[in-house]
Amino acid sequence: MSTASTADSRNLIHSLGGETIRFVEGLGDLALFTLTTLRWMTRGLPRRSVVLQSMYEVGVRSIGVVLITGMFIGMVLAVQGYEQFHLMRMETRIGAVINIALVKELGPVLAATMLAGRVGSAMAAELGTMRVTEQIDALRALGANPYQYLVVPRFLACFLLIPLLTAFADAIGIFGGWLLSTQVLGVDSAFYWHHSLDYVAAYDVLTGLLKSMFFGAAIAVISCHRGFNCGAGAEGVGRAATESFVLSFVAILVTDFFVTIFTTHLYYVIWPAPVSLL
């Protein structure tokens, strides 16, 4: 092996090692940030006006985009599913597929994605600007803890209100799927709801809402962490906003995978499958 190829191999190993170390350091710093936020949450909540302002920004101002997303996702599922079910002469069962997909997966994931894009990026940019302009340091100088004043209200707003946003997305998506299926595609409404009730259980709805709470917590922690660790200047603020959305979206997908596995196993623990005698 030549000297040049040996040097290239060493540089590659060093680069991979450096990236691995930075990833572990970042993950550890995020974990410490989360623990600090939870610790300050147990010490007492911030002023009611601060919490309500965060809830307004996270919840009320996100309703519009969540409703639009849920409506069109429900209608898209109806259009895509109808063609396949029509080939098998099972059009009346399309409601079960639309509704189970919405309440278990698409509703929570899409509501969280919209929240990460609209609220998470804004939180990272806002806190990043405060970091660059030294307003966070000024809060410490005035005797206020930045975690309790800036992070805890945003965490509570995301954690508590995203299940409500998910419920709105589920409801409007179910309505959109029903409207298109029955009024445009000609599916019988009675059979549509009959098969939906047969396949969609309360556990499925609760599973989706439980997922959304994990998504909201991940979005709040990652966005605030990126804002608190923002780089200098306008470029640093822009990078923090971008990283908050990208990392939040990845966290949503990873969390969705593990929570789905957990809730699936939990379902069979609560309601064991019947044992075959054959």
C-alpha atoms as a PDB file:
ATOM      1  CA  MET A   1       0.000   0.000   0.000  1.00  0.00           C
ATOM      2  CA  SER A   2       1.382   3.383  -0.992  1.00  0.00           C
ATOM      3  CA  THR A   3       2.068   6.189   1.439  1.00  0.00           C
ATOM      4  CA  ALA A   4      -0.667   8.346  -0.106  1.00  0.00           C
ATOM      5  CA  SER A   5      -3.384   5.674   0.311  1.00  0.00           C
ATOM      6  CA  THR A   6      -2.255   5.031   3.871  1.00  0.00           C
ATOM      7  CA  ALA A   7      -2.537   8.742   4.656  1.00  0.00           C
ATOM      8  CA  ASP A   8      -5.994   8.874   3.075  1.00  0.00           C
ATOM      9  CA  SER A   9      -7.128   5.907   5.186  1.00  0.00           C
ATOM     10  CA  ARG A  10      -5.851   7.560   8.336  1.00  0.00           C
ATOM     11  CA  ASN A  11      -7.568  10.837   7.462  1.00  0.00           C
ATOM     12  CA  LEU A  12     -10.827   8.974   6.853  1.00  0.00           C
ATOM     13  CA  ILE A  13     -10.565   7.159  10.193  1.00  0.00           C
ATOM     14  CA  HIS A  14      -9.748  10.413  11.969  1.00  0.00           C
ATOM     15  CA  SER A  15     -12.722  12.137  10.326  1.00  0.00           C
ATOM     16  CA  LEU A  16     -15.090   9.335  11.280  1.00  0.00           C
ATOM     17  CA  GLY A  17     -13.712   9.300  14.803  1.00  0.00           C
ATOM     18  CA  GLY A  18     -14.102  13.063  15.117  1.00  0.00           C
ATOM     19  CA  GLU A  19     -17.688  12.956  13.862  1.00  0.00           C
ATOM     20  CA  THR A  20     -18.501  10.135  16.281  1.00  0.00           C
ATOM     21  CA  ILE A  21     -17.049  12.056  19.210  1.00  0.00           C
ATOM     22  CA  ARG A  22     -18.965  15.199  18.247  1.00  0.00           C
ATOM     23  CA  PHE A  23     -22.183  13.186  17.921  1.00  0.00           C
ATOM     24  CA  VAL A  24     -21.755  11.631  21.370  1.00  0.00           C
ATOM     25  CA  GLU A  25     -20.878  15.003  22.889  1.00  0.00           C
ATOM     26  CA  GLY A  26     -23.927  16.607  21.298  1.00  0.00           C
ATOM     27  CA  LEU A  27     -26.186  13.789  22.487  1.00  0.00           C
ATOM     28  CA  GLY A  28     -24.813  14.083  26.004  1.00  0.00           C
ATOM     29  CA  ASP A  29     -25.238  17.855  26.006  1.00  0.00           C
ATOM     30  CA  LEU A  30     -28.844  17.436  24.839  1.00  0.00           C
ATOM     31  CA  ALA A  31     -29.480  14.915  27.619  1.00  0.00           C
ATOM     32  CA  LEU A  32     -28.071  17.299  30.237  1.00  0.00           C
ATOM     33  CA  PHE A  33     -30.180  20.117  28.787  1.00  0.00           C
ATOM     34  CA  THR A  34     -33.289  17.933  29.090  1.00  0.00           C
ATOM     35  CA  LEU A  35     -32.514  16.958  32.675  1.00  0.00           C
ATOM     36  CA  THR A  36     -31.911  20.590  33.619  1.00  0.00           C
ATOM     37  CA  THR A  37     -35.253  21.577  32.081  1.00  0.00           C
ATOM     38  CA  LEU A  38     -37.081  18.842  33.988  1.00  0.00           C
ATOM     39  CA  ARG A  39     -35.316  19.796  37.218  1.00  0.00           C
ATOM     40  CA  TRP A  40     -36.391  23.430  36.928  1.00  0.00           C
ATOM     41  CA  MET A  41     -39.905  22.309  36.058  1.00  0.00           C
ATOM     42  CA  THR A  42     -40.156  20.505  39.399  1.00  0.00           C
ATOM     43  CA  ARG A  43     -38.958  23.593  41.270  1.00  0.00           C
ATOM     44  CA  GLY A  44     -41.980  25.608  40.245  1.00  0.00           C
ATOM     45  CA  LEU A  45     -43.680  26.881  37.144  1.00  0.00           C
ATOM     46  CA  PRO A  46     -43.003  30.349  35.712  1.00  0.00           C
ATOM     47  CA  ARG A  47     -45.593  33.089  35.736  1.00  0.00           C
ATOM     48  CA  ARG A  48     -48.992  32.191  34.329  1.00  0.00           C
ATOM     49  CA  SER A  49     -48.847  34.940  31.711  1.00  0.00           C
ATOM     50  CA  VAL A  50     -45.591  33.551  30.311  1.00  0.00           C
ATOM     51  CA  VAL A  51     -47.002  30.021  30.041  1.00  0.00           C
ATOM     52  CA  LEU A  52     -50.241  31.223  28.435  1.00  0.00           C
ATOM     53  CA  GLN A  53     -48.308  33.262  25.865  1.00  0.00           C
ATOM     54  CA  SER A  54     -46.300  30.190  24.896  1.00  0.00           C
ATOM     55  CA  MET A  55     -49.466  28.111  24.700  1.00  0.00           C
ATOM     56  CA  TYR A  56     -51.059  30.686  22.429  1.00  0.00           C
ATOM     57  CA  GLU A  57     -48.073  30.666  20.088  1.00  0.00           C
ATOM     58  CA  VAL A  58     -47.839  26.875  20.017  1.00  0.00           C
ATOM     59  CA  GLY A  59     -51.504  25.921  20.075  1.00  0.00           C
ATOM     60  CA  VAL A  60     -53.822  28.611  18.740  1.00  0.00           C
ATOM     61  CA  ARG A  61     -51.561  29.867  15.964  1.00  0.00           C
ATOM     62  CA  SER A  62     -50.865  26.321  14.740  1.00  0.00           C
ATOM     63  CA  ILE A  63     -54.489  25.246  14.349  1.00  0.00           C
ATOM     64  CA  GLY A  64     -54.860  26.553  10.797  1.00  0.00           C
ATOM     65  CA  VAL A  65     -51.910  24.754   9.253  1.00  0.00           C
ATOM     66  CA  VAL A  66     -52.731  21.543  11.141  1.00  0.00           C
ATOM     67  CA  LEU A  67     -56.345  21.572   9.923  1.00  0.00           C
ATOM     68  CA  ILE A  68     -55.342  22.167   6.312  1.00  0.00           C
ATOM     69  CA  THR A  69     -52.755  19.381   6.481  1.00  0.00           C
ATOM     70  CA  GLY A  70     -55.167  16.916   8.075  1.00  0.00           C
ATOM     71  CA  MET A  71     -57.973  17.666   5.595  1.00  0.00           C
ATOM     72  CA  PHE A  72     -55.878  17.098   2.499  1.00  0.00           C
ATOM     73  CA  ILE A  73     -54.125  14.033   3.902  1.00  0.00           C
ATOM     74  CA  GLY A  74     -57.508  12.434   4.530  1.00  0.00           C
ATOM     75  CA  MET A  75     -58.637  13.215   0.982  1.00  0.00           C
ATOM     76  CA  VAL A  76     -55.379  11.971  -0.532  1.00  0.00           C
ATOM     77  CA  LEU A  77     -55.750   8.685   1.337  1.00  0.00           C
ATOM     78  CA  ALA A  78     -59.272   8.364  -0.021  1.00  0.00           C
ATOM     79  CA  VAL A  79     -58.153   8.927  -3.613  1.00  0.00           C
ATOM     80  CA  GLN A  80     -55.176   6.584  -3.376  1.00  0.00           C
ATOM     81  CA  GLY A  81     -56.981   3.852  -1.469  1.00  0.00           C
ATOM     82  CA  TYR A  82     -60.146   3.846  -3.551  1.00  0.00           C
ATOM     83  CA  GLU A  83     -58.416   2.682  -6.723  1.00  0.00           C
ATOM     84  CA  GLN A  84     -56.928  -0.356  -4.998  1.00  0.00           C
ATOM     85  CA  PHE A  85     -60.066  -1.281  -3.089  1.00  0.00           C
ATOM     86  CA  HIS A  86     -62.222  -0.803  -6.190  1.00  0.00           C
ATOM     87  CA  LEU A  87     -60.224  -3.471  -8.012  1.00  0.00           C
ATOM     88  CA  MET A  88     -61.114  -5.948  -5.238  1.00  0.00           C
ATOM     89  CA  ARG A  89     -64.742  -4.726  -4.951  1.00  0.00           C
ATOM     90  CA  MET A  90     -64.105  -3.675  -1.339  1.00  0.00           C
ATOM     91  CA  GLU A  91     -64.728   0.061  -1.641  1.00  0.00           C
ATOM     92  CA  THR A  92     -66.803   0.193   1.547  1.00  0.00           C
ATOM     93  CA  ARG A  93     -63.786  -0.827   3.631  1.00  0.00           C
ATOM     94  CA  ILE A  94     -61.778   2.199   2.607  1.00  0.00           C
ATOM     95  CA  GLY A  95     -62.946   4.078   5.706  1.00  0.00           C
ATOM     96  CA  ALA A  96     -61.196   1.620   7.995  1.00  0.00           C
ATOM     97  CA  VAL A  97     -57.876   2.131   6.203  1.00  0.00           C
ATOM     98  CA  ILE A  98     -58.156   5.921   6.132  1.00  0.00           C
ATOM     99  CA  ASN A  99     -59.131   6.263   9.774  1.00  0.00           C
ATOM    100  CA  ILE A 100     -56.666   3.744  11.222  1.00  0.00           C
ATOM    101  CA  ALA A 101     -53.812   5.318   9.254  1.00  0.00           C
ATOM    102  CA  LEU A 102     -54.769   8.789  10.450  1.00  0.00           C
ATOM    103  CA  VAL A 103     -55.238   8.126  14.156  1.00  0.00           C
ATOM    104  CA  LYS A 104     -52.221   5.822  14.582  1.00  0.00           C
ATOM    105  CA  GLU A 105     -49.566   7.301  12.290  1.00  0.00           C
ATOM    106  CA  LEU A 106     -50.266  10.125   9.878  1.00  0.00           C
ATOM    107  CA  GLY A 107     -52.189  12.386  12.248  1.00  0.00           C
ATOM    108  CA  PRO A 108     -49.567  12.467  15.020  1.00  0.00           C
ATOM    109  CA  VAL A 109     -46.556  12.519  12.677  1.00  0.00           C
ATOM    110  CA  LEU A 110     -47.859  15.242  10.373  1.00  0.00           C
ATOM    111  CA  ALA A 111     -49.124  17.411  13.231  1.00  0.00           C
ATOM    112  CA  ALA A 112     -45.704  17.116  14.876  1.00  0.00           C
ATOM    113  CA  THR A 113     -43.944  17.904  11.590  1.00  0.00           C
ATOM    114  CA  MET A 114     -46.023  21.047  11.140  1.00  0.00           C
ATOM    115  CA  LEU A 115     -45.295  22.007  14.740  1.00  0.00           C
ATOM    116  CA  ALA A 116     -41.566  21.473  14.225  1.00  0.00           C
ATOM    117  CA  GLY A 117     -41.583  23.606  11.100  1.00  0.00           C
ATOM    118  CA  ARG A 118     -43.755  26.435  12.389  1.00  0.00           C
ATOM    119  CA  VAL A 119     -43.037  26.519  16.126  1.00  0.00           C
ATOM    120  CA  GLY A 120     -39.732  24.685  16.559  1.00  0.00           C
ATOM    121  CA  SER A 121     -37.829  26.796  14.049  1.00  0.00           C
ATOM    122  CA  ALA A 122     -39.316  29.967  15.503  1.00  0.00           C
ATOM    123  CA  MET A 123     -38.293  28.973  19.040  1.00  0.00           C
ATOM    124  CA  ALA A 124     -34.748  28.189  17.928  1.00  0.00           C
ATOM    125  CA  ALA A 125     -34.473  31.488  16.040  1.00  0.00           C
ATOM    126  CA  GLU A 126     -35.940  33.502  18.920  1.00  0.00           C
ATOM    127  CA  LEU A 127     -33.695  31.955  21.563  1.00  0.00           C
ATOM    128  CA  GLY A 128     -30.740  32.091  19.193  1.00  0.00           C
ATOM    129  CA  THR A 129     -31.261  35.814  18.718  1.00  0.00           C
ATOM    130  CA  MET A 130     -31.435  36.228  22.483  1.00  0.00           C
ATOM    131  CA  ARG A 131     -28.172  34.305  22.790  1.00  0.00           C
ATOM    132  CA  VAL A 132     -26.429  36.414  20.147  1.00  0.00           C
ATOM    133  CA  THR A 133     -27.643  39.687  21.652  1.00  0.00           C
ATOM    134  CA  GLU A 134     -26.692  38.475  25.177  1.00  0.00           C
ATOM    135  CA  GLN A 135     -30.246  38.722  26.499  1.00  0.00           C
ATOM    136  CA  ILE A 136     -29.919  35.263  28.080  1.00  0.00           C
ATOM    137  CA  ASP A 137     -26.844  36.439  29.969  1.00  0.00           C
ATOM    138  CA  ALA A 138     -28.799  39.527  31.038  1.00  0.00           C
ATOM    139  CA  LEU A 139     -31.521  37.307  32.512  1.00  0.00           C
ATOM    140  CA  ARG A 140     -28.907  35.532  34.610  1.00  0.00           C
ATOM    141  CA  ALA A 141     -27.499  38.873  35.733  1.00  0.00           C
ATOM    142  CA  LEU A 142     -30.982  39.934  36.854  1.00  0.00           C
ATOM    143  CA  GLY A 143     -31.344  36.788  38.964  1.00  0.00           C
ATOM    144  CA  ALA A 144     -33.791  34.933  36.670  1.00  0.00           C
ATOM    145  CA  ASN A 145     -32.984  31.447  35.500  1.00  0.00           C
ATOM    146  CA  PRO A 146     -33.187  31.189  31.680  1.00  0.00           C
ATOM    147  CA  TYR A 147     -34.353  27.573  31.827  1.00  0.00           C
ATOM    148  CA  GLN A 148     -37.316  28.364  34.030  1.00  0.00           C
ATOM    149  CA  TYR A 149     -38.240  31.549  32.205  1.00  0.00           C
ATOM    150  CA  LEU A 150     -37.542  30.575  28.578  1.00  0.00           C
ATOM    151  CA  VAL A 151     -37.451  26.791  28.215  1.00  0.00           C
ATOM    152  CA  VAL A 152     -40.037  25.451  30.678  1.00  0.00           C
ATOM    153  CA  PRO A 153     -43.015  27.449  29.245  1.00  0.00           C
ATOM    154  CA  ARG A 154     -42.180  26.327  25.703  1.00  0.00           C
ATOM    155  CA  PHE A 155     -41.725  22.724  26.808  1.00  0.00           C
ATOM    156  CA  LEU A 156     -45.073  22.668  28.621  1.00  0.00           C
ATOM    157  CA  ALA A 157     -46.853  24.290  25.681  1.00  0.00           C
ATOM    158  CA  CYS A 158     -45.533  21.744  23.178  1.00  0.00           C
ATOM    159  CA  PHE A 159     -45.982  18.760  25.479  1.00  0.00           C
ATOM    160  CA  LEU A 160     -49.536  19.593  26.556  1.00  0.00           C
ATOM    161  CA  LEU A 161     -51.025  21.071  23.398  1.00  0.00           C
ATOM    162  CA  ILE A 162     -49.755  18.784  20.659  1.00  0.00           C
ATOM    163  CA  PRO A 163     -52.243  16.015  21.606  1.00  0.00           C
ATOM    164  CA  LEU A 164     -55.030  18.557  21.045  1.00  0.00           C
ATOM    165  CA  LEU A 165     -53.562  19.561  17.681  1.00  0.00           C
ATOM    166  CA  THR A 166     -53.275  15.877  16.784  1.00  0.00           C
ATOM    167  CA  ALA A 167     -56.925  15.339  17.687  1.00  0.00           C
ATOM    168  CA  PHE A 168     -57.876  18.237  15.395  1.00  0.00           C
ATOM    169  CA  ALA A 169     -55.774  16.759  12.580  1.00  0.00           C
ATOM    170  CA  ASP A 170     -57.360  13.333  13.082  1.00  0.00           C
ATOM    171  CA  ALA A 171     -60.892  14.716  13.138  1.00  0.00           C
ATOM    172  CA  ILE A 172     -60.563  16.910  10.060  1.00  0.00           C
ATOM    173  CA  GLY A 173     -58.680  14.162   8.203  1.00  0.00           C
ATOM    174  CA  ILE A 174     -61.428  11.652   8.962  1.00  0.00           C
ATOM    175  CA  PHE A 175     -64.013  14.182   7.799  1.00  0.00           C
ATOM    176  CA  GLY A 176     -62.091  14.894   4.586  1.00  0.00           C
ATOM    177  CA  GLY A 177     -61.700  11.190   3.820  1.00  0.00           C
ATOM    178  CA  TRP A 178     -65.399  10.554   4.461  1.00  0.00           C
ATOM    179  CA  LEU A 179     -66.504  13.557   2.409  1.00  0.00           C
ATOM    180  CA  LEU A 180     -64.495  12.621  -0.666  1.00  0.00           C
ATOM    181  CA  SER A 181     -65.254   8.903  -0.391  1.00  0.00           C
ATOM    182  CA  THR A 182     -69.018   9.284  -0.051  1.00  0.00           C
ATOM    183  CA  GLN A 183     -69.798  12.453  -1.986  1.00  0.00           C
ATOM    184  CA  VAL A 184     -67.318  12.115  -4.868  1.00  0.00           C
ATOM    185  CA  LEU A 185     -66.289   8.454  -5.122  1.00  0.00           C
ATOM    186  CA  GLY A 186     -69.730   7.071  -4.371  1.00  0.00           C
ATOM    187  CA  VAL A 187     -68.980   4.906  -1.328  1.00  0.00           C
ATOM    188  CA  ASP A 188     -71.998   4.136   0.833  1.00  0.00           C
ATOM    189  CA  SER A 189     -71.755   6.218   4.022  1.00  0.00           C
ATOM    190  CA  ALA A 190     -73.361   3.615   6.320  1.00  0.00           C
ATOM    191  CA  PHE A 191     -70.935   0.868   5.306  1.00  0.00           C
ATOM    192  CA  TYR A 192     -68.050   3.375   5.434  1.00  0.00           C
ATOM    193  CA  TRP A 193     -68.643   4.069   9.130  1.00  0.00           C
ATOM    194  CA  HIS A 194     -69.598   0.477   9.904  1.00  0.00           C
ATOM    195  CA  HIS A 195     -66.233  -0.898   8.780  1.00  0.00           C
ATOM    196  CA  SER A 196     -64.412   2.022  10.407  1.00  0.00           C
ATOM    197  CA  LEU A 197     -65.930   1.202  13.793  1.00  0.00           C
ATOM    198  CA  ASP A 198     -65.022  -2.463  13.337  1.00  0.00           C
ATOM    199  CA  TYR A 199     -61.317  -1.757  12.806  1.00  0.00           C
ATOM    200  CA  VAL A 200     -60.559   1.449  14.734  1.00  0.00           C
ATOM    201  CA  ALA A 201     -60.514   1.039  18.509  1.00  0.00           C
ATOM    202  CA  ALA A 202     -60.051   3.490  21.356  1.00  0.00           C
ATOM    203  CA  TYR A 203     -56.577   2.024  21.953  1.00  0.00           C
ATOM    204  CA  ASP A 204     -55.535   3.139  18.452  1.00  0.00           C
ATOM    205  CA  VAL A 205     -56.617   6.708  19.151  1.00  0.00           C
ATOM    206  CA  LEU A 206     -54.852   6.754  22.531  1.00  0.00           C
ATOM    207  CA  THR A 207     -51.710   5.338  20.917  1.00  0.00           C
ATOM    208  CA  GLY A 208     -51.605   8.220  18.470  1.00  0.00           C
ATOM    209  CA  LEU A 209     -52.131  10.805  21.191  1.00  0.00           C
ATOM    210  CA  LEU A 210     -49.406   9.208  23.324  1.00  0.00           C
ATOM    211  CA  LYS A 211     -46.987   9.399  20.417  1.00  0.00           C
ATOM    212  CA  SER A 212     -47.766  13.055  19.931  1.00  0.00           C
ATOM    213  CA  MET A 213     -46.776  13.866  23.514  1.00  0.00           C
ATOM    214  CA  PHE A 214     -43.333  12.341  22.946  1.00  0.00           C
ATOM    215  CA  PHE A 215     -43.068  14.262  19.680  1.00  0.00           C
ATOM    216  CA  GLY A 216     -43.941  17.537  21.383  1.00  0.00           C
ATOM    217  CA  ALA A 217     -41.367  16.999  24.116  1.00  0.00           C
ATOM    218  CA  ALA A 218     -38.668  16.195  21.538  1.00  0.00           C
ATOM    219  CA  ILE A 219     -39.492  19.267  19.440  1.00  0.00           C
ATOM    220  CA  ALA A 220     -39.371  21.603  22.444  1.00  0.00           C
ATOM    221  CA  VAL A 221     -36.120  20.243  23.862  1.00  0.00           C
ATOM    222  CA  ILE A 222     -34.275  20.131  20.536  1.00  0.00           C
ATOM    223  CA  SER A 223     -35.444  23.579  19.419  1.00  0.00           C
ATOM    224  CA  CYS A 224     -34.579  25.247  22.720  1.00  0.00           C
ATOM    225  CA  HIS A 225     -31.241  23.449  22.863  1.00  0.00           C
ATOM    226  CA  ARG A 226     -30.332  24.659  19.371  1.00  0.00           C
ATOM    227  CA  GLY A 227     -31.319  28.186  20.324  1.00  0.00           C
ATOM    228  CA  PHE A 228     -29.281  28.137  23.529  1.00  0.00           C
ATOM    229  CA  ASN A 229     -26.235  26.868  21.603  1.00  0.00           C
ATOM    230  CA  CYS A 230     -26.621  29.209  18.648  1.00  0.00           C
ATOM    231  CA  GLY A 231     -23.545  30.399  16.773  1.00  0.00           C
ATOM    232  CA  ALA A 232     -22.601  34.027  16.368  1.00  0.00           C
ATOM    233  CA  GLY A 233     -24.329  36.363  13.933  1.00  0.00           C
ATOM    234  CA  ALA A 234     -27.259  36.013  11.582  1.00  0.00           C
ATOM    235  CA  GLU A 235     -25.712  32.923  10.037  1.00  0.00           C
ATOM    236  CA  GLY A 236     -25.673  31.185  13.412  1.00  0.00           C
ATOM    237  CA  VAL A 237     -29.330  32.008  14.027  1.00  0.00           C
ATOM    238  CA  GLY A 238     -30.318  30.686  10.606  1.00  0.00           C
ATOM    239  CA  ARG A 239     -28.322  27.504  11.141  1.00  0.00           C
ATOM    240  CA  ALA A 240     -29.931  26.974  14.541  1.00  0.00           C
ATOM    241  CA  ALA A 241     -33.420  27.280  13.035  1.00  0.00           C
ATOM    242  CA  THR A 242     -32.572  24.837  10.244  1.00  0.00           C
ATOM    243  CA  GLU A 243     -30.932  22.336  12.582  1.00  0.00           C
ATOM    244  CA  SER A 244     -33.878  22.472  14.959  1.00  0.00           C
ATOM    245  CA  PHE A 245     -36.322  21.421  12.227  1.00  0.00           C
ATOM    246  CA  VAL A 246     -34.075  18.730  10.738  1.00  0.00           C
ATOM    247  CA  LEU A 247     -33.181  17.204  14.108  1.00  0.00           C
ATOM    248  CA  SER A 248     -36.781  17.435  15.316  1.00  0.00           C
ATOM    249  CA  PHE A 249     -38.017  15.627  12.212  1.00  0.00           C
ATOM    250  CA  VAL A 250     -35.438  12.868  12.659  1.00  0.00           C
ATOM    251  CA  ALA A 251     -36.378  12.606  16.345  1.00  0.00           C
ATOM    252  CA  ILE A 252     -40.064  12.325  15.392  1.00  0.00           C
ATOM    253  CA  LEU A 253     -39.385   9.384  13.090  1.00  0.00           C
ATOM    254  CA  VAL A 254     -37.070   7.606  15.535  1.00  0.00           C
ATOM    255  CA  THR A 255     -39.446   8.154  18.449  1.00  0.00           C
ATOM    256  CA  ASP A 256     -42.367   6.973  16.328  1.00  0.00           C
ATOM    257  CA  PHE A 257     -40.562   3.699  15.626  1.00  0.00           C
ATOM    258  CA  PHE A 258     -39.778   2.894  19.252  1.00  0.00           C
ATOM    259  CA  VAL A 259     -43.133   4.036  20.651  1.00  0.00           C
ATOM    260  CA  THR A 260     -44.920   1.942  18.009  1.00  0.00           C
ATOM    261  CA  ILE A 261     -42.971  -1.139  19.076  1.00  0.00           C
ATOM    262  CA  PHE A 262     -43.737  -0.447  22.739  1.00  0.00           C
ATOM    263  CA  THR A 263     -47.463   0.145  22.237  1.00  0.00           C
ATOM    264  CA  THR A 264     -47.772  -2.926  20.006  1.00  0.00           C
ATOM    265  CA  HIS A 265     -46.198  -5.164  22.660  1.00  0.00           C
ATOM    266  CA  LEU A 266     -48.303  -3.474  25.327  1.00  0.00           C
ATOM    267  CA  TYR A 267     -51.445  -4.256  23.349  1.00  0.00           C
ATOM    268  CA  TYR A 268     -50.681  -7.978  23.351  1.00  0.00           C
ATOM    269  CA  VAL A 269     -49.815  -7.844  27.044  1.00  0.00           C
ATOM    270  CA  ILE A 270     -53.205  -6.311  27.857  1.00  0.00           C
ATOM    271  CA  TRP A 271     -55.165  -8.376  25.332  1.00  0.00           C
ATOM    272  CA  PRO A 272     -53.212 -11.589  24.679  1.00  0.00           C
ATOM    273  CA  ALA A 273     -53.819 -13.322  21.379  1.00  0.00           C
ATOM    274  CA  PRO A 274     -55.887 -16.523  21.691  1.00  0.00           C
ATOM    275  CA  VAL A 275     -53.818 -19.717  21.737  1.00  0.00           C
ATOM    276  CA  SER A 276     -54.539 -22.038  18.831  1.00  0.00           C
ATOM    277  CA  LEU A 277     -55.411 -25.624  19.761  1.00  0.00           C
ATOM    278  CA  LEU A 278     -54.086 -26.987  16.472  1.00  0.00           C
END
